[in-house]
Amino acid sequence: MTMRDTMLVMPRAVSVRLDEDAIRALRIIEATGLSRSEAIRAAIMGQAGRLREPASLAAEVAALEANETDRAEMAIVASIMEEGRAPW
């Protein structure tokens, strides 16, 4: 007879201080139904995945730049931002 035990890996607690922008972003992620811990883990894993895939990020940027509609929208946003800029 074989005796077996299942060992659960205990999660490691991490403490972080969030600014107002980060709190707003966290609330957006939590609004999808994720718990606060799940939302934070998802954000960390997502960012880590993006950092591991610079070629895929470059491909995404190239695709956006190649899309005429996206370029037009970026120009509109840049124009709006420029209009709202304080004069020097």
PDB file of N, CA and C in Angstrom:
ATOM      1  N   MET A   1       0.843  -1.174   0.000  1.00  0.00           N
ATOM      2  CA  MET A   1       0.000   0.000   0.000  1.00  0.00           C
ATOM      3  C   MET A   1       0.893   1.243   0.000  1.00  0.00           C
ATOM      4  N   THR A   2       0.587   2.183  -0.897  1.00  0.00           N
ATOM      5  CA  THR A   2       1.372   3.406  -1.012  1.00  0.00           C
ATOM      6  C   THR A   2       0.668   4.518  -0.245  1.00  0.00           C
ATOM      7  N   MET A   3       1.439   5.190   0.594  1.00  0.00           N
ATOM      8  CA  MET A   3       0.906   6.317   1.347  1.00  0.00           C
ATOM      9  C   MET A   3       1.274   7.594   0.582  1.00  0.00           C
ATOM     10  N   ARG A   4       0.323   8.483   0.390  1.00  0.00           N
ATOM     11  CA  ARG A   4       0.584   9.728  -0.314  1.00  0.00           C
ATOM     12  C   ARG A   4       0.004  10.892   0.463  1.00  0.00           C
ATOM     13  N   ASP A   5       0.703  11.974   0.399  1.00  0.00           N
ATOM     14  CA  ASP A   5       0.223  13.226   0.975  1.00  0.00           C
ATOM     15  C   ASP A   5       0.206  14.270  -0.126  1.00  0.00           C
ATOM     16  N   THR A   6      -0.779  15.097  -0.091  1.00  0.00           N
ATOM     17  CA  THR A   6      -0.814  16.223  -1.017  1.00  0.00           C
ATOM     18  C   THR A   6      -0.342  17.450  -0.262  1.00  0.00           C
ATOM     19  N   MET A   7       0.680  18.075  -0.795  1.00  0.00           N
ATOM     20  CA  MET A   7       1.203  19.271  -0.157  1.00  0.00           C
ATOM     21  C   MET A   7       0.790  20.482  -0.983  1.00  0.00           C
ATOM     22  N   LEU A   8       0.177  21.397  -0.345  1.00  0.00           N
ATOM     23  CA  LEU A   8      -0.221  22.628  -1.028  1.00  0.00           C
ATOM     24  C   LEU A   8       0.876  23.660  -0.868  1.00  0.00           C
ATOM     25  N   VAL A   9       1.159  24.368  -1.937  1.00  0.00           N
ATOM     26  CA  VAL A   9       2.137  25.441  -1.874  1.00  0.00           C
ATOM     27  C   VAL A   9       1.439  26.644  -1.255  1.00  0.00           C
ATOM     28  N   MET A  10       1.995  27.151  -0.203  1.00  0.00           N
ATOM     29  CA  MET A  10       1.407  28.311   0.447  1.00  0.00           C
ATOM     30  C   MET A  10       1.808  29.567  -0.315  1.00  0.00           C
ATOM     31  N   PRO A  11       0.841  30.397  -0.648  1.00  0.00           N
ATOM     32  CA  PRO A  11       1.171  31.622  -1.359  1.00  0.00           C
ATOM     33  C   PRO A  11       2.002  32.555  -0.479  1.00  0.00           C
ATOM     34  N   ARG A  12       2.804  33.347  -1.128  1.00  0.00           N
ATOM     35  CA  ARG A  12       3.639  34.314  -0.422  1.00  0.00           C
ATOM     36  C   ARG A  12       2.926  35.651  -0.434  1.00  0.00           C
ATOM     37  N   ALA A  13       2.782  36.243   0.728  1.00  0.00           N
ATOM     38  CA  ALA A  13       2.127  37.549   0.824  1.00  0.00           C
ATOM     39  C   ALA A  13       3.111  38.636   0.413  1.00  0.00           C
ATOM     40  N   VAL A  14       2.596  39.606  -0.325  1.00  0.00           N
ATOM     41  CA  VAL A  14       3.405  40.733  -0.766  1.00  0.00           C
ATOM     42  C   VAL A  14       2.636  42.000  -0.419  1.00  0.00           C
ATOM     43  N   SER A  15       3.344  42.974   0.079  1.00  0.00           N
ATOM     44  CA  SER A  15       2.715  44.244   0.426  1.00  0.00           C
ATOM     45  C   SER A  15       3.103  45.288  -0.612  1.00  0.00           C
ATOM     46  N   VAL A  16       2.125  46.085  -1.058  1.00  0.00           N
ATOM     47  CA  VAL A  16       2.421  47.117  -2.050  1.00  0.00           C
ATOM     48  C   VAL A  16       1.628  48.373  -1.723  1.00  0.00           C
ATOM     49  N   ARG A  17       2.196  49.502  -2.077  1.00  0.00           N
ATOM     50  CA  ARG A  17       1.505  50.781  -1.901  1.00  0.00           C
ATOM     51  C   ARG A  17       1.064  51.251  -3.281  1.00  0.00           C
ATOM     52  N   LEU A  18      -0.210  51.542  -3.413  1.00  0.00           N
ATOM     53  CA  LEU A  18      -0.753  51.950  -4.702  1.00  0.00           C
ATOM     54  C   LEU A  18      -1.095  53.434  -4.689  1.00  0.00           C
ATOM     55  N   ASP A  19      -0.758  54.117  -5.782  1.00  0.00           N
ATOM     56  CA  ASP A  19      -1.179  55.506  -5.927  1.00  0.00           C
ATOM     57  C   ASP A  19      -2.610  55.512  -6.468  1.00  0.00           C
ATOM     58  N   GLU A  20      -3.182  56.688  -6.616  1.00  0.00           N
ATOM     59  CA  GLU A  20      -4.578  56.788  -7.054  1.00  0.00           C
ATOM     60  C   GLU A  20      -4.812  56.168  -8.431  1.00  0.00           C
ATOM     61  N   ASP A  21      -3.865  56.348  -9.359  1.00  0.00           N
ATOM     62  CA  ASP A  21      -4.009  55.752 -10.697  1.00  0.00           C
ATOM     63  C   ASP A  21      -4.041  54.233 -10.611  1.00  0.00           C
ATOM     64  N   ALA A  22      -3.165  53.674  -9.802  1.00  0.00           N
ATOM     65  CA  ALA A  22      -3.113  52.216  -9.657  1.00  0.00           C
ATOM     66  C   ALA A  22      -4.380  51.688  -8.985  1.00  0.00           C
ATOM     67  N   ILE A  23      -4.907  52.422  -8.020  1.00  0.00           N
ATOM     68  CA  ILE A  23      -6.146  52.010  -7.355  1.00  0.00           C
ATOM     69  C   ILE A  23      -7.301  52.016  -8.350  1.00  0.00           C
ATOM     70  N   ARG A  24      -7.376  53.057  -9.184  1.00  0.00           N
ATOM     71  CA  ARG A  24      -8.431  53.100 -10.210  1.00  0.00           C
ATOM     72  C   ARG A  24      -8.294  51.928 -11.178  1.00  0.00           C
ATOM     73  N   ALA A  25      -7.065  51.636 -11.598  1.00  0.00           N
ATOM     74  CA  ALA A  25      -6.837  50.516 -12.518  1.00  0.00           C
ATOM     75  C   ALA A  25      -7.226  49.195 -11.859  1.00  0.00           C
ATOM     76  N   LEU A  26      -6.889  49.041 -10.587  1.00  0.00           N
ATOM     77  CA  LEU A  26      -7.243  47.819  -9.865  1.00  0.00           C
ATOM     78  C   LEU A  26      -8.758  47.668  -9.792  1.00  0.00           C
ATOM     79  N   ARG A  27      -9.462  48.755  -9.556  1.00  0.00           N
ATOM     80  CA  ARG A  27     -10.935  48.699  -9.500  1.00  0.00           C
ATOM     81  C   ARG A  27     -11.531  48.269 -10.841  1.00  0.00           C
ATOM     82  N   ILE A  28     -10.921  48.716 -11.932  1.00  0.00           N
ATOM     83  CA  ILE A  28     -11.399  48.309 -13.260  1.00  0.00           C
ATOM     84  C   ILE A  28     -11.245  46.807 -13.428  1.00  0.00           C
ATOM     85  N   ILE A  29     -10.091  46.283 -13.018  1.00  0.00           N
ATOM     86  CA  ILE A  29      -9.866  44.834 -13.140  1.00  0.00           C
ATOM     87  C   ILE A  29     -10.802  44.071 -12.211  1.00  0.00           C
ATOM     88  N   GLU A  30     -10.988  44.563 -10.988  1.00  0.00           N
ATOM     89  CA  GLU A  30     -11.882  43.900 -10.035  1.00  0.00           C
ATOM     90  C   GLU A  30     -13.325  43.899 -10.532  1.00  0.00           C
ATOM     91  N   ALA A  31     -13.694  44.918 -11.324  1.00  0.00           N
ATOM     92  CA  ALA A  31     -15.061  45.010 -11.840  1.00  0.00           C
ATOM     93  C   ALA A  31     -15.400  43.849 -12.775  1.00  0.00           C
ATOM     94  N   THR A  32     -14.388  43.127 -13.237  1.00  0.00           N
ATOM     95  CA  THR A  32     -14.643  41.964 -14.087  1.00  0.00           C
ATOM     96  C   THR A  32     -15.080  40.756 -13.272  1.00  0.00           C
ATOM     97  N   GLY A  33     -15.060  40.905 -11.938  1.00  0.00           N
ATOM     98  CA  GLY A  33     -15.474  39.793 -11.081  1.00  0.00           C
ATOM     99  C   GLY A  33     -14.326  39.114 -10.361  1.00  0.00           C
ATOM    100  N   LEU A  34     -13.107  39.552 -10.650  1.00  0.00           N
ATOM    101  CA  LEU A  34     -11.956  38.959  -9.969  1.00  0.00           C
ATOM    102  C   LEU A  34     -11.842  39.518  -8.560  1.00  0.00           C
ATOM    103  N   SER A  35     -11.319  38.692  -7.656  1.00  0.00           N
ATOM    104  CA  SER A  35     -11.017  39.198  -6.315  1.00  0.00           C
ATOM    105  C   SER A  35      -9.813  40.119  -6.434  1.00  0.00           C
ATOM    106  N   ARG A  36      -9.547  40.879  -5.395  1.00  0.00           N
ATOM    107  CA  ARG A  36      -8.399  41.782  -5.408  1.00  0.00           C
ATOM    108  C   ARG A  36      -7.108  40.998  -5.657  1.00  0.00           C
ATOM    109  N   SER A  37      -6.927  39.871  -4.975  1.00  0.00           N
ATOM    110  CA  SER A  37      -5.716  39.067  -5.163  1.00  0.00           C
ATOM    111  C   SER A  37      -5.619  38.538  -6.590  1.00  0.00           C
ATOM    112  N   GLU A  38      -6.750  38.048  -7.113  1.00  0.00           N
ATOM    113  CA  GLU A  38      -6.754  37.536  -8.489  1.00  0.00           C
ATOM    114  C   GLU A  38      -6.432  38.644  -9.486  1.00  0.00           C
ATOM    115  N   ALA A  39      -6.982  39.836  -9.251  1.00  0.00           N
ATOM    116  CA  ALA A  39      -6.745  40.963 -10.149  1.00  0.00           C
ATOM    117  C   ALA A  39      -5.271  41.352 -10.151  1.00  0.00           C
ATOM    118  N   ILE A  40      -4.676  41.411  -8.981  1.00  0.00           N
ATOM    119  CA  ILE A  40      -3.258  41.776  -8.880  1.00  0.00           C
ATOM    120  C   ILE A  40      -2.386  40.710  -9.528  1.00  0.00           C
ATOM    121  N   ARG A  41      -2.696  39.429  -9.247  1.00  0.00           N
ATOM    122  CA  ARG A  41      -1.913  38.350  -9.872  1.00  0.00           C
ATOM    123  C   ARG A  41      -2.042  38.405 -11.394  1.00  0.00           C
ATOM    124  N   ALA A  42      -3.253  38.630 -11.899  1.00  0.00           N
ATOM    125  CA  ALA A  42      -3.470  38.693 -13.348  1.00  0.00           C
ATOM    126  C   ALA A  42      -2.663  39.833 -13.959  1.00  0.00           C
ATOM    127  N   ALA A  43      -2.656  40.988 -13.288  1.00  0.00           N
ATOM    128  CA  ALA A  43      -1.901  42.136 -13.801  1.00  0.00           C
ATOM    129  C   ALA A  43      -0.402  41.843 -13.820  1.00  0.00           C
ATOM    130  N   ILE A  44       0.103  41.243 -12.759  1.00  0.00           N
ATOM    131  CA  ILE A  44       1.534  40.920 -12.701  1.00  0.00           C
ATOM    132  C   ILE A  44       1.898  39.902 -13.777  1.00  0.00           C
ATOM    133  N   MET A  45       1.095  38.869 -13.899  1.00  0.00           N
ATOM    134  CA  MET A  45       1.391  37.830 -14.895  1.00  0.00           C
ATOM    135  C   MET A  45       1.272  38.394 -16.317  1.00  0.00           C
ATOM    136  N   GLY A  46       0.296  39.240 -16.537  1.00  0.00           N
ATOM    137  CA  GLY A  46       0.139  39.845 -17.858  1.00  0.00           C
ATOM    138  C   GLY A  46       1.333  40.700 -18.228  1.00  0.00           C
ATOM    139  N   GLN A  47       1.776  41.524 -17.298  1.00  0.00           N
ATOM    140  CA  GLN A  47       2.942  42.375 -17.560  1.00  0.00           C
ATOM    141  C   GLN A  47       4.185  41.535 -17.787  1.00  0.00           C
ATOM    142  N   ALA A  48       4.372  40.497 -16.976  1.00  0.00           N
ATOM    143  CA  ALA A  48       5.536  39.620 -17.147  1.00  0.00           C
ATOM    144  C   ALA A  48       5.504  38.959 -18.524  1.00  0.00           C
ATOM    145  N   GLY A  49       4.328  38.542 -18.947  1.00  0.00           N
ATOM    146  CA  GLY A  49       4.197  37.930 -20.272  1.00  0.00           C
ATOM    147  C   GLY A  49       4.554  38.904 -21.377  1.00  0.00           C
ATOM    148  N   ARG A  50       4.108  40.156 -21.241  1.00  0.00           N
ATOM    149  CA  ARG A  50       4.436  41.165 -22.251  1.00  0.00           C
ATOM    150  C   ARG A  50       5.931  41.452 -22.277  1.00  0.00           C
ATOM    151  N   LEU A  51       6.557  41.479 -21.127  1.00  0.00           N
ATOM    152  CA  LEU A  51       7.999  41.744 -21.083  1.00  0.00           C
ATOM    153  C   LEU A  51       8.806  40.589 -21.669  1.00  0.00           C
ATOM    154  N   ARG A  52       8.258  39.383 -21.575  1.00  0.00           N
ATOM    155  CA  ARG A  52       8.940  38.216 -22.144  1.00  0.00           C
ATOM    156  C   ARG A  52       8.791  38.147 -23.648  1.00  0.00           C
ATOM    157  N   GLU A  53       7.848  38.851 -24.177  1.00  0.00           N
ATOM    158  CA  GLU A  53       7.536  38.761 -25.601  1.00  0.00           C
ATOM    159  C   GLU A  53       7.757  40.079 -26.334  1.00  0.00           C
ATOM    160  N   PRO A  54       8.983  40.629 -26.311  1.00  0.00           N
ATOM    161  CA  PRO A  54       9.199  41.912 -26.992  1.00  0.00           C
ATOM    162  C   PRO A  54       8.919  41.834 -28.488  1.00  0.00           C
ATOM    163  N   ALA A  55       9.175  40.699 -29.094  1.00  0.00           N
ATOM    164  CA  ALA A  55       8.923  40.569 -30.533  1.00  0.00           C
ATOM    165  C   ALA A  55       7.428  40.657 -30.812  1.00  0.00           C
ATOM    166  N   SER A  56       6.615  40.066 -29.946  1.00  0.00           N
ATOM    167  CA  SER A  56       5.176  40.116 -30.163  1.00  0.00           C
ATOM    168  C   SER A  56       4.656  41.526 -29.918  1.00  0.00           C
ATOM    169  N   LEU A  57       5.242  42.231 -28.971  1.00  0.00           N
ATOM    170  CA  LEU A  57       4.860  43.617 -28.737  1.00  0.00           C
ATOM    171  C   LEU A  57       5.235  44.479 -29.942  1.00  0.00           C
ATOM    172  N   ALA A  58       6.428  44.262 -30.474  1.00  0.00           N
ATOM    173  CA  ALA A  58       6.856  45.009 -31.660  1.00  0.00           C
ATOM    174  C   ALA A  58       5.929  44.723 -32.836  1.00  0.00           C
ATOM    175  N   ALA A  59       5.496  43.485 -32.964  1.00  0.00           N
ATOM    176  CA  ALA A  59       4.578  43.119 -34.042  1.00  0.00           C
ATOM    177  C   ALA A  59       3.227  43.808 -33.855  1.00  0.00           C
ATOM    178  N   GLU A  60       2.769  43.897 -32.609  1.00  0.00           N
ATOM    179  CA  GLU A  60       1.501  44.568 -32.333  1.00  0.00           C
ATOM    180  C   GLU A  60       1.588  46.058 -32.664  1.00  0.00           C
ATOM    181  N   VAL A  61       2.699  46.684 -32.289  1.00  0.00           N
ATOM    182  CA  VAL A  61       2.909  48.102 -32.602  1.00  0.00           C
ATOM    183  C   VAL A  61       2.947  48.302 -34.112  1.00  0.00           C
ATOM    184  N   ALA A  62       3.664  47.429 -34.815  1.00  0.00           N
ATOM    185  CA  ALA A  62       3.749  47.536 -36.274  1.00  0.00           C
ATOM    186  C   ALA A  62       2.370  47.386 -36.911  1.00  0.00           C
ATOM    187  N   ALA A  63       1.563  46.465 -36.384  1.00  0.00           N
ATOM    188  CA  ALA A  63       0.213  46.267 -36.924  1.00  0.00           C
ATOM    189  C   ALA A  63      -0.647  47.505 -36.697  1.00  0.00           C
ATOM    190  N   LEU A  64      -0.521  48.113 -35.509  1.00  0.00           N
ATOM    191  CA  LEU A  64      -1.288  49.328 -35.231  1.00  0.00           C
ATOM    192  C   LEU A  64      -0.845  50.468 -36.135  1.00  0.00           C
ATOM    193  N   GLU A  65       0.452  50.589 -36.315  1.00  0.00           N
ATOM    194  CA  GLU A  65       0.975  51.655 -37.175  1.00  0.00           C
ATOM    195  C   GLU A  65       0.588  51.449 -38.635  1.00  0.00           C
ATOM    196  N   ALA A  66       0.416  50.209 -39.043  1.00  0.00           N
ATOM    197  CA  ALA A  66       0.064  49.908 -40.428  1.00  0.00           C
ATOM    198  C   ALA A  66      -1.432  50.104 -40.691  1.00  0.00           C
ATOM    199  N   ASN A  67      -2.231  50.188 -39.634  1.00  0.00           N
ATOM    200  CA  ASN A  67      -3.672  50.315 -39.772  1.00  0.00           C
ATOM    201  C   ASN A  67      -4.036  51.790 -39.945  1.00  0.00           C
ATOM    202  N   GLU A  68      -4.580  52.123 -41.117  1.00  0.00           N
ATOM    203  CA  GLU A  68      -4.894  53.515 -41.440  1.00  0.00           C
ATOM    204  C   GLU A  68      -5.891  54.121 -40.455  1.00  0.00           C
ATOM    205  N   THR A  69      -6.883  53.358 -40.038  1.00  0.00           N
ATOM    206  CA  THR A  69      -7.879  53.846 -39.083  1.00  0.00           C
ATOM    207  C   THR A  69      -7.235  54.166 -37.739  1.00  0.00           C
ATOM    208  N   ASP A  70      -6.346  53.266 -37.280  1.00  0.00           N
ATOM    209  CA  ASP A  70      -5.650  53.503 -36.013  1.00  0.00           C
ATOM    210  C   ASP A  70      -4.769  54.740 -36.093  1.00  0.00           C
ATOM    211  N   ARG A  71      -4.069  54.901 -37.219  1.00  0.00           N
ATOM    212  CA  ARG A  71      -3.193  56.074 -37.386  1.00  0.00           C
ATOM    213  C   ARG A  71      -4.016  57.361 -37.364  1.00  0.00           C
ATOM    214  N   ALA A  72      -5.175  57.351 -38.020  1.00  0.00           N
ATOM    215  CA  ALA A  72      -6.038  58.534 -38.037  1.00  0.00           C
ATOM    216  C   ALA A  72      -6.537  58.846 -36.627  1.00  0.00           C
ATOM    217  N   GLU A  73      -6.906  57.810 -35.893  1.00  0.00           N
ATOM    218  CA  GLU A  73      -7.377  58.010 -34.527  1.00  0.00           C
ATOM    219  C   GLU A  73      -6.250  58.545 -33.636  1.00  0.00           C
ATOM    220  N   MET A  74      -5.032  58.023 -33.810  1.00  0.00           N
ATOM    221  CA  MET A  74      -3.887  58.521 -33.036  1.00  0.00           C
ATOM    222  C   MET A  74      -3.625  59.990 -33.346  1.00  0.00           C
ATOM    223  N   ALA A  75      -3.790  60.392 -34.604  1.00  0.00           N
ATOM    224  CA  ALA A  75      -3.582  61.790 -34.990  1.00  0.00           C
ATOM    225  C   ALA A  75      -4.634  62.685 -34.342  1.00  0.00           C
ATOM    226  N   ILE A  76      -5.875  62.221 -34.284  1.00  0.00           N
ATOM    227  CA  ILE A  76      -6.943  62.992 -33.644  1.00  0.00           C
ATOM    228  C   ILE A  76      -6.651  63.169 -32.158  1.00  0.00           C
ATOM    229  N   VAL A  77      -6.275  62.084 -31.506  1.00  0.00           N
ATOM    230  CA  VAL A  77      -5.961  62.147 -30.076  1.00  0.00           C
ATOM    231  C   VAL A  77      -4.773  63.077 -29.840  1.00  0.00           C
ATOM    232  N   ALA A  78      -3.739  62.977 -30.659  1.00  0.00           N
ATOM    233  CA  ALA A  78      -2.569  63.853 -30.509  1.00  0.00           C
ATOM    234  C   ALA A  78      -2.974  65.307 -30.681  1.00  0.00           C
ATOM    235  N   SER A  79      -3.860  65.582 -31.626  1.00  0.00           N
ATOM    236  CA  SER A  79      -4.332  66.946 -31.857  1.00  0.00           C
ATOM    237  C   SER A  79      -5.102  67.468 -30.650  1.00  0.00           C
ATOM    238  N   ILE A  80      -5.969  66.650 -30.102  1.00  0.00           N
ATOM    239  CA  ILE A  80      -6.737  67.040 -28.918  1.00  0.00           C
ATOM    240  C   ILE A  80      -5.794  67.309 -27.747  1.00  0.00           C
ATOM    241  N   MET A  81      -4.803  66.443 -27.576  1.00  0.00           N
ATOM    242  CA  MET A  81      -3.833  66.617 -26.495  1.00  0.00           C
ATOM    243  C   MET A  81      -3.055  67.913 -26.679  1.00  0.00           C
ATOM    244  N   GLU A  82      -2.685  68.201 -27.903  1.00  0.00           N
ATOM    245  CA  GLU A  82      -1.925  69.422 -28.197  1.00  0.00           C
ATOM    246  C   GLU A  82      -2.760  70.666 -27.897  1.00  0.00           C
ATOM    247  N   GLU A  83      -4.030  70.629 -28.249  1.00  0.00           N
ATOM    248  CA  GLU A  83      -4.930  71.757 -27.981  1.00  0.00           C
ATOM    249  C   GLU A  83      -5.075  72.023 -26.494  1.00  0.00           C
ATOM    250  N   GLY A  84      -5.049  70.972 -25.696  1.00  0.00           N
ATOM    251  CA  GLY A  84      -5.236  71.109 -24.267  1.00  0.00           C
ATOM    252  C   GLY A  84      -3.965  71.444 -23.500  1.00  0.00           C
ATOM    253  N   ARG A  85      -2.863  71.488 -24.211  1.00  0.00           N
ATOM    254  CA  ARG A  85      -1.581  71.757 -23.555  1.00  0.00           C
ATOM    255  C   ARG A  85      -1.503  73.223 -23.140  1.00  0.00           C
ATOM    256  N   ALA A  86      -0.924  73.454 -21.961  1.00  0.00           N
ATOM    257  CA  ALA A  86      -0.766  74.832 -21.469  1.00  0.00           C
ATOM    258  C   ALA A  86       0.256  75.567 -22.328  1.00  0.00           C
ATOM    259  N   PRO A  87       0.002  76.832 -22.608  1.00  0.00           N
ATOM    260  CA  PRO A  87       0.986  77.602 -23.400  1.00  0.00           C
ATOM    261  C   PRO A  87       2.237  77.868 -22.575  1.00  0.00           C
ATOM    262  N   TRP A  88       3.353  77.944 -23.241  1.00  0.00           N
ATOM    263  CA  TRP A  88       4.625  78.211 -22.541  1.00  0.00           C
ATOM    264  C   TRP A  88       4.946  79.624 -22.712  1.00  0.00           C
TER     265      TRP A  88
END
